[in-house]
């Protein structure tokens, strides 16, 4: 299977996990294409001022890779910045959140896989 960028649907999520603003998911892999294995493989565009509020992963883990911009990351109880080329791994049972405190878009790749 090949999926061309022009065929990728963009899904808008408002107030993700209780966060602010809108997040735009460019879904490269749909959950039904990886039944029982994964939930997300998407490019995320996080506009200025938008966020994904801190949330816990249960029965899954998430890897987030920064493609462009600066992310303010909550990783457990720690808050830090991630830049292009940095990655956050949120293991099963842990929590994280991402905020764009800059004036330009934050662009990420996110992968959520089941741990069971």
PDB file of N, CA and C in Angstrom:
ATOM      1  N   UNK A   1       0.841  -1.177   0.000  1.00  0.00           N
ATOM      2  CA  UNK A   1       0.000   0.000   0.000  1.00  0.00           C
ATOM      3  C   UNK A   1       0.887   1.242   0.000  1.00  0.00           C
ATOM      4  N   UNK A   2       0.491   2.206  -0.766  1.00  0.00           N
ATOM      5  CA  UNK A   2       1.168   3.504  -0.799  1.00  0.00           C
ATOM      6  C   UNK A   2       0.129   4.563  -0.488  1.00  0.00           C
ATOM      7  N   UNK A   3       0.486   5.492   0.357  1.00  0.00           N
ATOM      8  CA  UNK A   3      -0.408   6.611   0.651  1.00  0.00           C
ATOM      9  C   UNK A   3       0.350   7.889   0.311  1.00  0.00           C
ATOM     10  N   UNK A   4      -0.151   8.618  -0.637  1.00  0.00           N
ATOM     11  CA  UNK A   4       0.457   9.875  -1.063  1.00  0.00           C
ATOM     12  C   UNK A   4      -0.004  11.012  -0.157  1.00  0.00           C
ATOM     13  N   UNK A   5       0.858  12.013   0.013  1.00  0.00           N
ATOM     14  CA  UNK A   5       0.518  13.120   0.918  1.00  0.00           C
ATOM     15  C   UNK A   5      -0.780  13.811   0.533  1.00  0.00           C
ATOM     16  N   UNK A   6      -1.082  13.876  -0.760  1.00  0.00           N
ATOM     17  CA  UNK A   6      -2.324  14.533  -1.178  1.00  0.00           C
ATOM     18  C   UNK A   6      -3.565  13.711  -0.826  1.00  0.00           C
ATOM     19  N   UNK A   7      -3.371  12.439  -0.453  1.00  0.00           N
ATOM     20  CA  UNK A   7      -4.491  11.579  -0.081  1.00  0.00           C
ATOM     21  C   UNK A   7      -4.729  11.516   1.430  1.00  0.00           C
ATOM     22  N   UNK A   8      -3.838  12.124   2.197  1.00  0.00           N
ATOM     23  CA  UNK A   8      -3.960  12.086   3.652  1.00  0.00           C
ATOM     24  C   UNK A   8      -5.038  13.061   4.104  1.00  0.00           C
ATOM     25  N   UNK A   9      -5.970  12.545   4.861  1.00  0.00           N
ATOM     26  CA  UNK A   9      -7.038  13.377   5.417  1.00  0.00           C
ATOM     27  C   UNK A   9      -6.510  14.113   6.650  1.00  0.00           C
ATOM     28  N   UNK A  10      -6.975  15.346   6.826  1.00  0.00           N
ATOM     29  CA  UNK A  10      -6.583  16.138   7.986  1.00  0.00           C
ATOM     30  C   UNK A  10      -7.765  16.172   8.951  1.00  0.00           C
ATOM     31  N   UNK A  11      -7.483  15.755  10.177  1.00  0.00           N
ATOM     32  CA  UNK A  11      -8.512  15.666  11.221  1.00  0.00           C
ATOM     33  C   UNK A  11      -8.243  16.752  12.265  1.00  0.00           C
ATOM     34  N   UNK A  12      -9.205  17.636  12.473  1.00  0.00           N
ATOM     35  CA  UNK A  12      -9.061  18.696  13.473  1.00  0.00           C
ATOM     36  C   UNK A  12      -9.608  18.204  14.805  1.00  0.00           C
ATOM     37  N   UNK A  13      -8.787  18.344  15.848  1.00  0.00           N
ATOM     38  CA  UNK A  13      -9.205  17.989  17.203  1.00  0.00           C
ATOM     39  C   UNK A  13      -9.138  19.259  18.043  1.00  0.00           C
ATOM     40  N   UNK A  14     -10.266  19.650  18.599  1.00  0.00           N
ATOM     41  CA  UNK A  14     -10.326  20.837  19.447  1.00  0.00           C
ATOM     42  C   UNK A  14     -10.171  20.433  20.904  1.00  0.00           C
ATOM     43  N   UNK A  15      -9.408  21.226  21.639  1.00  0.00           N
ATOM     44  CA  UNK A  15      -9.203  21.015  23.077  1.00  0.00           C
ATOM     45  C   UNK A  15      -8.741  19.594  23.385  1.00  0.00           C
ATOM     46  N   UNK A  16      -7.692  19.145  22.697  1.00  0.00           N
ATOM     47  CA  UNK A  16      -7.173  17.776  22.824  1.00  0.00           C
ATOM     48  C   UNK A  16      -6.810  17.451  24.273  1.00  0.00           C
ATOM     49  N   UNK A  17      -7.390  16.401  24.787  1.00  0.00           N
ATOM     50  CA  UNK A  17      -7.171  15.943  26.164  1.00  0.00           C
ATOM     51  C   UNK A  17      -7.443  17.052  27.177  1.00  0.00           C
ATOM     52  N   UNK A  18      -8.267  18.045  26.802  1.00  0.00           N
ATOM     53  CA  UNK A  18      -8.560  19.174  27.679  1.00  0.00           C
ATOM     54  C   UNK A  18      -7.628  20.358  27.466  1.00  0.00           C
ATOM     55  N   UNK A  19      -6.818  20.307  26.411  1.00  0.00           N
ATOM     56  CA  UNK A  19      -5.889  21.394  26.105  1.00  0.00           C
ATOM     57  C   UNK A  19      -6.582  22.565  25.424  1.00  0.00           C
ATOM     58  N   UNK A  20      -5.764  23.477  24.910  1.00  0.00           N
ATOM     59  CA  UNK A  20      -6.267  24.705  24.282  1.00  0.00           C
ATOM     60  C   UNK A  20      -6.198  24.623  22.764  1.00  0.00           C
ATOM     61  N   UNK A  21      -7.151  25.275  22.115  1.00  0.00           N
ATOM     62  CA  UNK A  21      -7.105  25.451  20.667  1.00  0.00           C
ATOM     63  C   UNK A  21      -7.343  24.176  19.886  1.00  0.00           C
ATOM     64  N   UNK A  22      -6.877  24.209  18.646  1.00  0.00           N
ATOM     65  CA  UNK A  22      -7.066  23.099  17.706  1.00  0.00           C
ATOM     66  C   UNK A  22      -5.728  22.462  17.360  1.00  0.00           C
ATOM     67  N   UNK A  23      -5.750  21.148  17.183  1.00  0.00           N
ATOM     68  CA  UNK A  23      -4.603  20.378  16.717  1.00  0.00           C
ATOM     69  C   UNK A  23      -5.036  19.725  15.415  1.00  0.00           C
ATOM     70  N   UNK A  24      -4.163  19.742  14.408  1.00  0.00           N
ATOM     71  CA  UNK A  24      -4.488  19.174  13.100  1.00  0.00           C
ATOM     72  C   UNK A  24      -3.676  17.897  12.899  1.00  0.00           C
ATOM     73  N   UNK A  25      -4.388  16.773  12.836  1.00  0.00           N
ATOM     74  CA  UNK A  25      -3.783  15.454  12.669  1.00  0.00           C
ATOM     75  C   UNK A  25      -3.798  15.086  11.185  1.00  0.00           C
ATOM     76  N   UNK A  26      -2.643  14.845  10.629  1.00  0.00           N
ATOM     77  CA  UNK A  26      -2.510  14.313   9.271  1.00  0.00           C
ATOM     78  C   UNK A  26      -2.292  12.811   9.469  1.00  0.00           C
ATOM     79  N   UNK A  27      -3.357  12.032   9.368  1.00  0.00           N
ATOM     80  CA  UNK A  27      -3.335  10.613   9.734  1.00  0.00           C
ATOM     81  C   UNK A  27      -2.748   9.758   8.608  1.00  0.00           C
ATOM     82  N   UNK A  28      -1.509   9.323   8.802  1.00  0.00           N
ATOM     83  CA  UNK A  28      -0.835   8.476   7.805  1.00  0.00           C
ATOM     84  C   UNK A  28      -1.270   7.026   7.901  1.00  0.00           C
ATOM     85  N   UNK A  29      -1.532   6.569   9.110  1.00  0.00           N
ATOM     86  CA  UNK A  29      -1.998   5.196   9.327  1.00  0.00           C
ATOM     87  C   UNK A  29      -3.276   5.284  10.144  1.00  0.00           C
ATOM     88  N   UNK A  30      -4.318   4.649   9.660  1.00  0.00           N
ATOM     89  CA  UNK A  30      -5.595   4.666  10.360  1.00  0.00           C
ATOM     90  C   UNK A  30      -5.674   3.479  11.319  1.00  0.00           C
ATOM     91  N   UNK A  31      -6.390   3.632  12.443  1.00  0.00           N
ATOM     92  CA  UNK A  31      -6.463   2.530  13.417  1.00  0.00           C
ATOM     93  C   UNK A  31      -6.911   1.211  12.802  1.00  0.00           C
ATOM     94  N   UNK A  32      -7.848   1.249  11.858  1.00  0.00           N
ATOM     95  CA  UNK A  32      -8.333   0.006  11.245  1.00  0.00           C
ATOM     96  C   UNK A  32      -7.284  -0.639  10.338  1.00  0.00           C
ATOM     97  N   UNK A  33      -6.238   0.086   9.993  1.00  0.00           N
ATOM     98  CA  UNK A  33      -5.164  -0.483   9.171  1.00  0.00           C
ATOM     99  C   UNK A  33      -4.113  -1.197  10.019  1.00  0.00           C
ATOM    100  N   UNK A  34      -4.188  -1.041  11.333  1.00  0.00           N
ATOM    101  CA  UNK A  34      -3.294  -1.736  12.260  1.00  0.00           C
ATOM    102  C   UNK A  34      -4.131  -2.298  13.402  1.00  0.00           C
ATOM    103  N   UNK A  35      -5.126  -3.110  13.087  1.00  0.00           N
ATOM    104  CA  UNK A  35      -6.075  -3.550  14.111  1.00  0.00           C
ATOM    105  C   UNK A  35      -5.382  -4.248  15.284  1.00  0.00           C
ATOM    106  N   UNK A  36      -5.676  -3.706  16.470  1.00  0.00           N
ATOM    107  CA  UNK A  36      -5.138  -4.301  17.685  1.00  0.00           C
ATOM    108  C   UNK A  36      -3.692  -3.960  17.975  1.00  0.00           C
ATOM    109  N   UNK A  37      -3.018  -3.238  17.082  1.00  0.00           N
ATOM    110  CA  UNK A  37      -1.590  -2.953  17.265  1.00  0.00           C
ATOM    111  C   UNK A  37      -1.306  -1.489  17.556  1.00  0.00           C
ATOM    112  N   UNK A  38      -2.001  -0.607  16.860  1.00  0.00           N
ATOM    113  CA  UNK A  38      -1.705   0.809  17.019  1.00  0.00           C
ATOM    114  C   UNK A  38      -2.936   1.659  16.858  1.00  0.00           C
ATOM    115  N   UNK A  39      -2.791   2.908  17.298  1.00  0.00           N
ATOM    116  CA  UNK A  39      -3.922   3.830  17.249  1.00  0.00           C
ATOM    117  C   UNK A  39      -3.611   5.069  16.433  1.00  0.00           C
ATOM    118  N   UNK A  40      -2.353   5.525  16.442  1.00  0.00           N
ATOM    119  CA  UNK A  40      -1.994   6.761  15.752  1.00  0.00           C
ATOM    120  C   UNK A  40      -0.615   6.638  15.119  1.00  0.00           C
ATOM    121  N   UNK A  41      -0.504   7.026  13.872  1.00  0.00           N
ATOM    122  CA  UNK A  41       0.757   7.376  13.230  1.00  0.00           C
ATOM    123  C   UNK A  41       0.418   8.589  12.396  1.00  0.00           C
ATOM    124  N   UNK A  42       0.684   9.768  12.946  1.00  0.00           N
ATOM    125  CA  UNK A  42       0.192  11.009  12.354  1.00  0.00           C
ATOM    126  C   UNK A  42       1.217  12.120  12.473  1.00  0.00           C
ATOM    127  N   UNK A  43       1.156  13.034  11.505  1.00  0.00           N
ATOM    128  CA  UNK A  43       1.846  14.318  11.638  1.00  0.00           C
ATOM    129  C   UNK A  43       0.849  15.234  12.321  1.00  0.00           C
ATOM    130  N   UNK A  44       1.294  15.930  13.353  1.00  0.00           N
ATOM    131  CA  UNK A  44       0.443  16.866  14.076  1.00  0.00           C
ATOM    132  C   UNK A  44       0.947  18.280  13.843  1.00  0.00           C
ATOM    133  N   UNK A  45       0.037  19.176  13.524  1.00  0.00           N
ATOM    134  CA  UNK A  45       0.359  20.596  13.448  1.00  0.00           C
ATOM    135  C   UNK A  45      -0.330  21.260  14.630  1.00  0.00           C
ATOM    136  N   UNK A  46       0.500  21.863  15.490  1.00  0.00           N
ATOM    137  CA  UNK A  46       0.013  22.508  16.708  1.00  0.00           C
ATOM    138  C   UNK A  46       0.230  24.015  16.535  1.00  0.00           C
ATOM    139  N   UNK A  47      -0.822  24.762  16.226  1.00  0.00           N
ATOM    140  CA  UNK A  47      -0.662  26.212  16.031  1.00  0.00           C
ATOM    141  C   UNK A  47      -0.236  26.923  17.323  1.00  0.00           C
ATOM    142  N   UNK A  48       0.255  28.141  17.166  1.00  0.00           N
ATOM    143  CA  UNK A  48       0.650  28.963  18.315  1.00  0.00           C
ATOM    144  C   UNK A  48      -0.486  29.021  19.331  1.00  0.00           C
ATOM    145  N   UNK A  49      -0.150  28.805  20.610  1.00  0.00           N
ATOM    146  CA  UNK A  49      -1.130  28.878  21.682  1.00  0.00           C
ATOM    147  C   UNK A  49      -1.938  27.619  21.913  1.00  0.00           C
ATOM    148  N   UNK A  50      -1.797  26.625  21.055  1.00  0.00           N
ATOM    149  CA  UNK A  50      -2.564  25.378  21.206  1.00  0.00           C
ATOM    150  C   UNK A  50      -1.770  24.364  22.027  1.00  0.00           C
ATOM    151  N   UNK A  51      -2.491  23.384  22.573  1.00  0.00           N
ATOM    152  CA  UNK A  51      -1.827  22.383  23.408  1.00  0.00           C
ATOM    153  C   UNK A  51      -2.617  21.086  23.450  1.00  0.00           C
ATOM    154  N   UNK A  52      -1.906  20.039  23.832  1.00  0.00           N
ATOM    155  CA  UNK A  52      -2.499  18.754  24.209  1.00  0.00           C
ATOM    156  C   UNK A  52      -2.228  18.645  25.701  1.00  0.00           C
ATOM    157  N   UNK A  53      -3.265  18.714  26.506  1.00  0.00           N
ATOM    158  CA  UNK A  53      -3.099  18.739  27.960  1.00  0.00           C
ATOM    159  C   UNK A  53      -2.442  17.440  28.445  1.00  0.00           C
ATOM    160  N   UNK A  54      -1.734  17.507  29.581  1.00  0.00           N
ATOM    161  CA  UNK A  54      -1.151  16.292  30.144  1.00  0.00           C
ATOM    162  C   UNK A  54      -2.208  15.199  30.313  1.00  0.00           C
ATOM    163  N   UNK A  55      -1.822  13.999  29.897  1.00  0.00           N
ATOM    164  CA  UNK A  55      -2.727  12.845  29.946  1.00  0.00           C
ATOM    165  C   UNK A  55      -1.898  11.586  30.127  1.00  0.00           C
ATOM    166  N   UNK A  56      -2.526  10.552  30.627  1.00  0.00           N
ATOM    167  CA  UNK A  56      -1.853   9.283  30.901  1.00  0.00           C
ATOM    168  C   UNK A  56      -2.165   8.282  29.801  1.00  0.00           C
ATOM    169  N   UNK A  57      -1.175   7.467  29.465  1.00  0.00           N
ATOM    170  CA  UNK A  57      -1.381   6.380  28.515  1.00  0.00           C
ATOM    171  C   UNK A  57      -1.550   5.075  29.296  1.00  0.00           C
ATOM    172  N   UNK A  58      -2.554   4.311  28.913  1.00  0.00           N
ATOM    173  CA  UNK A  58      -2.848   3.048  29.578  1.00  0.00           C
ATOM    174  C   UNK A  58      -3.025   1.970  28.516  1.00  0.00           C
ATOM    175  N   UNK A  59      -2.204   0.931  28.580  1.00  0.00           N
ATOM    176  CA  UNK A  59      -2.265  -0.144  27.591  1.00  0.00           C
ATOM    177  C   UNK A  59      -1.610   0.213  26.271  1.00  0.00           C
ATOM    178  N   UNK A  60      -0.871   1.322  26.261  1.00  0.00           N
ATOM    179  CA  UNK A  60      -0.215   1.789  25.047  1.00  0.00           C
ATOM    180  C   UNK A  60       0.950   2.691  25.426  1.00  0.00           C
ATOM    181  N   UNK A  61       1.809   2.987  24.449  1.00  0.00           N
ATOM    182  CA  UNK A  61       2.866   3.965  24.642  1.00  0.00           C
ATOM    183  C   UNK A  61       2.859   4.911  23.452  1.00  0.00           C
ATOM    184  N   UNK A  62       3.438   6.098  23.647  1.00  0.00           N
ATOM    185  CA  UNK A  62       3.484   7.080  22.566  1.00  0.00           C
ATOM    186  C   UNK A  62       4.886   7.624  22.407  1.00  0.00           C
ATOM    187  N   UNK A  63       5.317   7.706  21.151  1.00  0.00           N
ATOM    188  CA  UNK A  63       6.560   8.383  20.793  1.00  0.00           C
ATOM    189  C   UNK A  63       6.187   9.625  19.992  1.00  0.00           C
ATOM    190  N   UNK A  64       6.738  10.773  20.376  1.00  0.00           N
ATOM    191  CA  UNK A  64       6.492  12.041  19.693  1.00  0.00           C
ATOM    192  C   UNK A  64       7.845  12.604  19.260  1.00  0.00           C
ATOM    193  N   UNK A  65       7.978  12.895  17.964  1.00  0.00           N
ATOM    194  CA  UNK A  65       9.222  13.406  17.386  1.00  0.00           C
ATOM    195  C   UNK A  65       8.952  14.805  16.844  1.00  0.00           C
ATOM    196  N   UNK A  66       9.787  15.772  17.214  1.00  0.00           N
ATOM    197  CA  UNK A  66       9.596  17.153  16.777  1.00  0.00           C
ATOM    198  C   UNK A  66      10.244  17.343  15.405  1.00  0.00           C
ATOM    199  N   UNK A  67       9.419  17.711  14.424  1.00  0.00           N
ATOM    200  CA  UNK A  67       9.902  17.995  13.073  1.00  0.00           C
ATOM    201  C   UNK A  67      10.274  19.469  12.907  1.00  0.00           C
ATOM    202  N   UNK A  68       9.429  20.356  13.425  1.00  0.00           N
ATOM    203  CA  UNK A  68       9.641  21.802  13.304  1.00  0.00           C
ATOM    204  C   UNK A  68       9.133  22.492  14.553  1.00  0.00           C
ATOM    205  N   UNK A  69       9.847  23.533  14.972  1.00  0.00           N
ATOM    206  CA  UNK A  69       9.376  24.372  16.067  1.00  0.00           C
ATOM    207  C   UNK A  69       9.900  23.942  17.420  1.00  0.00           C
ATOM    208  N   UNK A  70       9.310  24.536  18.446  1.00  0.00           N
ATOM    209  CA  UNK A  70       9.692  24.281  19.835  1.00  0.00           C
ATOM    210  C   UNK A  70       8.453  23.871  20.616  1.00  0.00           C
ATOM    211  N   UNK A  71       8.546  22.741  21.296  1.00  0.00           N
ATOM    212  CA  UNK A  71       7.453  22.233  22.125  1.00  0.00           C
ATOM    213  C   UNK A  71       7.794  22.440  23.590  1.00  0.00           C
ATOM    214  N   UNK A  72       6.827  22.882  24.365  1.00  0.00           N
ATOM    215  CA  UNK A  72       6.963  22.844  25.815  1.00  0.00           C
ATOM    216  C   UNK A  72       6.311  21.539  26.250  1.00  0.00           C
ATOM    217  N   UNK A  73       7.128  20.651  26.774  1.00  0.00           N
ATOM    218  CA  UNK A  73       6.703  19.289  27.085  1.00  0.00           C
ATOM    219  C   UNK A  73       6.569  19.095  28.583  1.00  0.00           C
ATOM    220  N   UNK A  74       5.442  18.534  28.994  1.00  0.00           N
ATOM    221  CA  UNK A  74       5.294  18.030  30.349  1.00  0.00           C
ATOM    222  C   UNK A  74       5.523  16.528  30.263  1.00  0.00           C
ATOM    223  N   UNK A  75       6.548  16.047  30.956  1.00  0.00           N
ATOM    224  CA  UNK A  75       6.911  14.626  30.965  1.00  0.00           C
ATOM    225  C   UNK A  75       6.871  14.170  32.416  1.00  0.00           C
ATOM    226  N   UNK A  76       5.759  13.554  32.806  1.00  0.00           N
ATOM    227  CA  UNK A  76       5.566  13.242  34.222  1.00  0.00           C
ATOM    228  C   UNK A  76       5.404  14.549  34.979  1.00  0.00           C
ATOM    229  N   UNK A  77       6.328  14.832  35.912  1.00  0.00           N
ATOM    230  CA  UNK A  77       6.289  16.079  36.684  1.00  0.00           C
ATOM    231  C   UNK A  77       7.277  17.118  36.165  1.00  0.00           C
ATOM    232  N   UNK A  78       8.043  16.783  35.134  1.00  0.00           N
ATOM    233  CA  UNK A  78       9.061  17.682  34.590  1.00  0.00           C
ATOM    234  C   UNK A  78       8.511  18.457  33.395  1.00  0.00           C
ATOM    235  N   UNK A  79       8.859  19.736  33.306  1.00  0.00           N
ATOM    236  CA  UNK A  79       8.509  20.569  32.152  1.00  0.00           C
ATOM    237  C   UNK A  79       9.812  21.006  31.501  1.00  0.00           C
ATOM    238  N   UNK A  80       9.922  20.785  30.196  1.00  0.00           N
ATOM    239  CA  UNK A  80      11.133  21.108  29.453  1.00  0.00           C
ATOM    240  C   UNK A  80      10.774  21.483  28.027  1.00  0.00           C
ATOM    241  N   UNK A  81      11.758  21.948  27.271  1.00  0.00           N
ATOM    242  CA  UNK A  81      11.532  22.262  25.864  1.00  0.00           C
ATOM    243  C   UNK A  81      12.129  21.178  24.983  1.00  0.00           C
ATOM    244  N   UNK A  82      11.423  20.872  23.898  1.00  0.00           N
ATOM    245  CA  UNK A  82      11.938  19.997  22.851  1.00  0.00           C
ATOM    246  C   UNK A  82      12.038  20.815  21.571  1.00  0.00           C
ATOM    247  N   UNK A  83      13.082  20.527  20.788  1.00  0.00           N
ATOM    248  CA  UNK A  83      13.325  21.232  19.530  1.00  0.00           C
ATOM    249  C   UNK A  83      13.372  20.224  18.390  1.00  0.00           C
ATOM    250  N   UNK A  84      13.386  20.723  17.162  1.00  0.00           N
ATOM    251  CA  UNK A  84      13.445  19.850  15.988  1.00  0.00           C
ATOM    252  C   UNK A  84      14.552  18.815  16.166  1.00  0.00           C
ATOM    253  N   UNK A  85      14.193  17.540  15.961  1.00  0.00           N
ATOM    254  CA  UNK A  85      15.128  16.434  16.128  1.00  0.00           C
ATOM    255  C   UNK A  85      15.047  15.759  17.480  1.00  0.00           C
ATOM    256  N   UNK A  86      14.306  16.340  18.443  1.00  0.00           N
ATOM    257  CA  UNK A  86      14.137  15.742  19.769  1.00  0.00           C
ATOM    258  C   UNK A  86      12.907  14.838  19.776  1.00  0.00           C
ATOM    259  N   UNK A  87      12.913  13.871  20.711  1.00  0.00           N
ATOM    260  CA  UNK A  87      11.827  12.910  20.807  1.00  0.00           C
ATOM    261  C   UNK A  87      11.440  12.724  22.269  1.00  0.00           C
ATOM    262  N   UNK A  88      10.157  12.495  22.503  1.00  0.00           N
ATOM    263  CA  UNK A  88       9.645  12.140  23.818  1.00  0.00           C
ATOM    264  C   UNK A  88       8.995  10.769  23.711  1.00  0.00           C
ATOM    265  N   UNK A  89       9.347   9.874  24.634  1.00  0.00           N
ATOM    266  CA  UNK A  89       8.705   8.572  24.725  1.00  0.00           C
ATOM    267  C   UNK A  89       7.900   8.558  26.013  1.00  0.00           C
ATOM    268  N   UNK A  90       6.617   8.323  25.892  1.00  0.00           N
ATOM    269  CA  UNK A  90       5.737   8.220  27.048  1.00  0.00           C
ATOM    270  C   UNK A  90       5.348   6.750  27.201  1.00  0.00           C
ATOM    271  N   UNK A  91       5.992   6.030  28.148  1.00  0.00           N
ATOM    272  CA  UNK A  91       5.688   4.607  28.331  1.00  0.00           C
ATOM    273  C   UNK A  91       4.280   4.378  28.890  1.00  0.00           C
ATOM    274  N   UNK A  92       3.829   3.166  28.763  1.00  0.00           N
ATOM    275  CA  UNK A  92       2.556   2.725  29.321  1.00  0.00           C
ATOM    276  C   UNK A  92       2.513   3.099  30.806  1.00  0.00           C
ATOM    277  N   UNK A  93       1.415   3.741  31.219  1.00  0.00           N
ATOM    278  CA  UNK A  93       1.224   4.114  32.616  1.00  0.00           C
ATOM    279  C   UNK A  93       1.768   5.485  32.971  1.00  0.00           C
ATOM    280  N   UNK A  94       2.521   6.108  32.081  1.00  0.00           N
ATOM    281  CA  UNK A  94       3.090   7.434  32.343  1.00  0.00           C
ATOM    282  C   UNK A  94       2.215   8.509  31.719  1.00  0.00           C
ATOM    283  N   UNK A  95       2.545   9.785  31.987  1.00  0.00           N
ATOM    284  CA  UNK A  95       1.762  10.898  31.450  1.00  0.00           C
ATOM    285  C   UNK A  95       2.669  11.931  30.808  1.00  0.00           C
ATOM    286  N   UNK A  96       2.102  12.622  29.814  1.00  0.00           N
ATOM    287  CA  UNK A  96       2.806  13.715  29.147  1.00  0.00           C
ATOM    288  C   UNK A  96       1.790  14.666  28.527  1.00  0.00           C
ATOM    289  N   UNK A  97       2.265  15.858  28.122  1.00  0.00           N
ATOM    290  CA  UNK A  97       1.447  16.852  27.440  1.00  0.00           C
ATOM    291  C   UNK A  97       2.359  17.755  26.632  1.00  0.00           C
ATOM    292  N   UNK A  98       1.814  18.422  25.628  1.00  0.00           N
ATOM    293  CA  UNK A  98       2.613  19.257  24.734  1.00  0.00           C
ATOM    294  C   UNK A  98       1.895  20.580  24.527  1.00  0.00           C
ATOM    295  N   UNK A  99       2.675  21.660  24.575  1.00  0.00           N
ATOM    296  CA  UNK A  99       2.129  22.999  24.386  1.00  0.00           C
ATOM    297  C   UNK A  99       3.011  23.777  23.420  1.00  0.00           C
ATOM    298  N   UNK A 100       2.382  24.583  22.580  1.00  0.00           N
ATOM    299  CA  UNK A 100       3.123  25.467  21.681  1.00  0.00           C
ATOM    300  C   UNK A 100       3.013  26.882  22.239  1.00  0.00           C
ATOM    301  N   UNK A 101       4.102  27.341  22.865  1.00  0.00           N
ATOM    302  CA  UNK A 101       4.138  28.680  23.443  1.00  0.00           C
ATOM    303  C   UNK A 101       4.810  29.686  22.512  1.00  0.00           C
ATOM    304  N   UNK A 102       5.055  29.312  21.266  1.00  0.00           N
ATOM    305  CA  UNK A 102       5.739  30.186  20.321  1.00  0.00           C
ATOM    306  C   UNK A 102       4.733  30.867  19.397  1.00  0.00           C
ATOM    307  N   UNK A 103       5.254  31.674  18.479  1.00  0.00           N
ATOM    308  CA  UNK A 103       4.406  32.385  17.510  1.00  0.00           C
ATOM    309  C   UNK A 103       4.268  31.656  16.184  1.00  0.00           C
ATOM    310  N   UNK A 104       4.898  30.487  16.048  1.00  0.00           N
ATOM    311  CA  UNK A 104       4.807  29.734  14.792  1.00  0.00           C
ATOM    312  C   UNK A 104       4.346  28.311  15.066  1.00  0.00           C
ATOM    313  N   UNK A 105       3.937  27.621  14.002  1.00  0.00           N
ATOM    314  CA  UNK A 105       3.438  26.249  14.150  1.00  0.00           C
ATOM    315  C   UNK A 105       4.500  25.315  14.720  1.00  0.00           C
ATOM    316  N   UNK A 106       4.047  24.393  15.527  1.00  0.00           N
ATOM    317  CA  UNK A 106       4.843  23.263  16.005  1.00  0.00           C
ATOM    318  C   UNK A 106       4.390  22.057  15.195  1.00  0.00           C
ATOM    319  N   UNK A 107       5.349  21.318  14.606  1.00  0.00           N
ATOM    320  CA  UNK A 107       5.004  20.162  13.773  1.00  0.00           C
ATOM    321  C   UNK A 107       5.678  18.926  14.375  1.00  0.00           C
ATOM    322  N   UNK A 108       4.879  17.898  14.613  1.00  0.00           N
ATOM    323  CA  UNK A 108       5.330  16.669  15.275  1.00  0.00           C
ATOM    324  C   UNK A 108       4.934  15.449  14.460  1.00  0.00           C
ATOM    325  N   UNK A 109       5.620  14.339  14.683  1.00  0.00           N
ATOM    326  CA  UNK A 109       5.145  13.020  14.266  1.00  0.00           C
ATOM    327  C   UNK A 109       4.822  12.262  15.550  1.00  0.00           C
ATOM    328  N   UNK A 110       3.690  11.614  15.581  1.00  0.00           N
ATOM    329  CA  UNK A 110       3.270  10.862  16.756  1.00  0.00           C
ATOM    330  C   UNK A 110       2.930   9.429  16.372  1.00  0.00           C
ATOM    331  N   UNK A 111       3.376   8.511  17.207  1.00  0.00           N
ATOM    332  CA  UNK A 111       3.109   7.090  17.026  1.00  0.00           C
ATOM    333  C   UNK A 111       2.588   6.547  18.353  1.00  0.00           C
ATOM    334  N   UNK A 112       1.370   5.987  18.349  1.00  0.00           N
ATOM    335  CA  UNK A 112       0.818   5.355  19.543  1.00  0.00           C
ATOM    336  C   UNK A 112       0.600   3.887  19.220  1.00  0.00           C
ATOM    337  N   UNK A 113       1.266   3.022  20.002  1.00  0.00           N
ATOM    338  CA  UNK A 113       1.191   1.574  19.804  1.00  0.00           C
ATOM    339  C   UNK A 113       0.673   0.905  21.078  1.00  0.00           C
ATOM    340  N   UNK A 114      -0.051  -0.177  20.901  1.00  0.00           N
ATOM    341  CA  UNK A 114      -0.559  -0.971  22.031  1.00  0.00           C
ATOM    342  C   UNK A 114       0.598  -1.720  22.686  1.00  0.00           C
ATOM    343  N   UNK A 115       0.522  -1.892  23.994  1.00  0.00           N
ATOM    344  CA  UNK A 115       1.556  -2.645  24.715  1.00  0.00           C
ATOM    345  C   UNK A 115       1.097  -4.048  25.061  1.00  0.00           C
ATOM    346  N   UNK A 116      -0.165  -4.336  24.875  1.00  0.00           N
ATOM    347  CA  UNK A 116      -0.695  -5.657  25.232  1.00  0.00           C
ATOM    348  C   UNK A 116      -0.477  -6.659  24.128  1.00  0.00           C
TER     349      UNK A 116
END
